[in-house]
Amino acid sequence: MAIGTHTRDDNATVKSARIRGEETKPSFKTTELVVYVLAVIGVLIASYTVGDGAANNGADYFAADKAWWYVTLLTIGYMVSRGLAKAGSRSNDVDPRTH
């Protein structure tokens, strides 16, 4: 019997279609999404809690604009990592509009 074929009870050979799964998981099932979300939350909490220390001069060591810059860098890193993960994957989409 050849690979990809099955034999029925009456000895007739029936070809079966092999269904290939996608090489990568959807983003919501990956640990990189969890790490990304936790890192963004950590940056925003750190920005909120870090003030001017004991100086009381109104200076902010970790201002909102710096925090959002780090969130932007985290987002770019996450998008690049997902792009690299998806680069070699095949689509199982049967929608004729996407071909």
Protein backbone atom coordinates (compact mmCIF):
# COMPACT_ATOMS: atom_id res chain seq x y z
CA MET A 1 0.00 0.00 0.00
CA ALA A 2 1.40 3.41 -0.96
CA ILE A 3 1.64 6.36 1.36
CA GLY A 4 -1.51 8.46 1.30
CA THR A 5 -3.79 5.58 0.30
CA HIS A 6 -6.11 3.36 2.27
CA THR A 7 -7.62 0.01 1.38
CA ARG A 8 -11.33 -0.59 1.88
CA ASP A 9 -12.80 -3.97 2.84
CA ASP A 10 -13.40 -4.90 -0.83
CA ASN A 11 -9.68 -4.37 -1.59
CA ALA A 12 -10.34 -1.22 -3.62
CA THR A 13 -7.75 1.45 -3.03
CA VAL A 14 -9.07 4.82 -1.96
CA LYS A 15 -6.86 7.88 -2.05
CA SER A 16 -7.10 10.16 0.92
CA ALA A 17 -6.27 13.81 0.91
CA ARG A 18 -3.60 14.78 3.36
CA ILE A 19 -4.53 17.80 5.37
CA ARG A 20 -1.52 19.85 6.32
CA GLY A 21 -1.78 22.00 9.38
CA GLU A 22 -0.39 25.46 9.46
CA GLU A 23 3.21 25.68 10.58
CA THR A 24 2.55 28.40 13.14
CA LYS A 25 -0.13 28.85 15.75
CA PRO A 26 -2.58 31.74 15.72
CA SER A 27 -1.13 34.70 17.60
CA PHE A 28 -3.52 34.43 20.54
CA LYS A 29 -2.23 30.92 21.28
CA THR A 30 1.45 31.87 21.48
CA THR A 31 3.61 32.74 24.44
CA GLU A 32 5.07 35.68 22.54
CA LEU A 33 1.70 37.44 22.71
CA VAL A 34 1.54 36.85 26.46
CA VAL A 35 5.08 38.16 26.90
CA TYR A 36 4.30 41.19 24.71
CA VAL A 37 1.14 42.07 26.67
CA LEU A 38 2.91 41.63 30.01
CA ALA A 39 5.83 43.78 28.85
CA VAL A 40 3.51 46.57 27.70
CA ILE A 41 1.62 46.46 31.00
CA GLY A 42 4.93 46.49 32.87
CA VAL A 43 6.18 49.52 30.97
CA LEU A 44 2.95 51.43 31.57
CA ILE A 45 2.87 50.55 35.28
CA ALA A 46 6.52 51.53 35.67
CA SER A 47 5.87 54.83 33.94
CA TYR A 48 2.92 55.50 36.19
CA THR A 49 4.67 54.63 39.45
CA VAL A 50 8.12 56.14 38.85
CA GLY A 51 8.06 59.78 39.75
CA ASP A 52 10.68 62.29 40.70
CA GLY A 53 12.00 60.24 43.59
CA ALA A 54 12.75 62.24 46.72
CA ALA A 55 13.56 65.41 44.80
CA ASN A 56 9.95 66.70 44.80
CA ASN A 57 10.87 69.09 42.02
CA GLY A 58 8.20 67.91 39.60
CA ALA A 59 10.65 66.07 37.36
CA ASP A 60 9.51 62.72 36.04
CA TYR A 61 12.24 60.16 35.38
CA PHE A 62 10.02 57.94 33.27
CA ALA A 63 7.61 60.26 31.51
CA ALA A 64 4.63 59.11 29.44
CA ASP A 65 6.29 59.96 26.13
CA LYS A 66 9.24 57.70 26.98
CA ALA A 67 6.87 54.91 28.07
CA TRP A 68 4.91 55.09 24.83
CA TRP A 69 8.18 55.07 22.89
CA TYR A 70 9.06 51.77 24.59
CA VAL A 71 5.57 50.41 23.88
CA THR A 72 6.08 51.33 20.22
CA LEU A 73 9.42 49.50 20.16
CA LEU A 74 7.82 46.46 21.81
CA THR A 75 5.04 46.53 19.20
CA ILE A 76 7.53 46.68 16.33
CA GLY A 77 9.47 43.78 17.85
CA TYR A 78 6.29 41.73 18.26
CA MET A 79 5.21 42.40 14.68
CA VAL A 80 8.64 41.42 13.33
CA SER A 81 8.66 38.21 15.39
CA ARG A 82 5.17 37.24 14.12
CA GLY A 83 6.22 38.05 10.58
CA LEU A 84 9.27 35.82 10.87
CA ALA A 85 7.17 33.06 12.39
CA LYS A 86 4.64 33.26 9.55
CA ALA A 87 7.21 33.68 6.77
CA GLY A 88 7.50 29.96 6.04
CA SER A 89 3.94 28.92 6.77
CA ARG A 90 1.48 27.74 4.17
CA SER A 91 -2.13 28.82 4.09
CA ASN A 92 -4.96 26.28 4.08
CA ASP A 93 -7.44 28.89 2.96
CA VAL A 94 -9.89 27.58 0.36
CA ASP A 95 -11.46 30.96 -0.33
CA PRO A 96 -11.03 31.60 -4.08
CA ARG A 97 -10.86 35.36 -3.49
CA THR A 98 -7.49 35.02 -1.74
CA HIS A 99 -5.70 33.12 -4.54
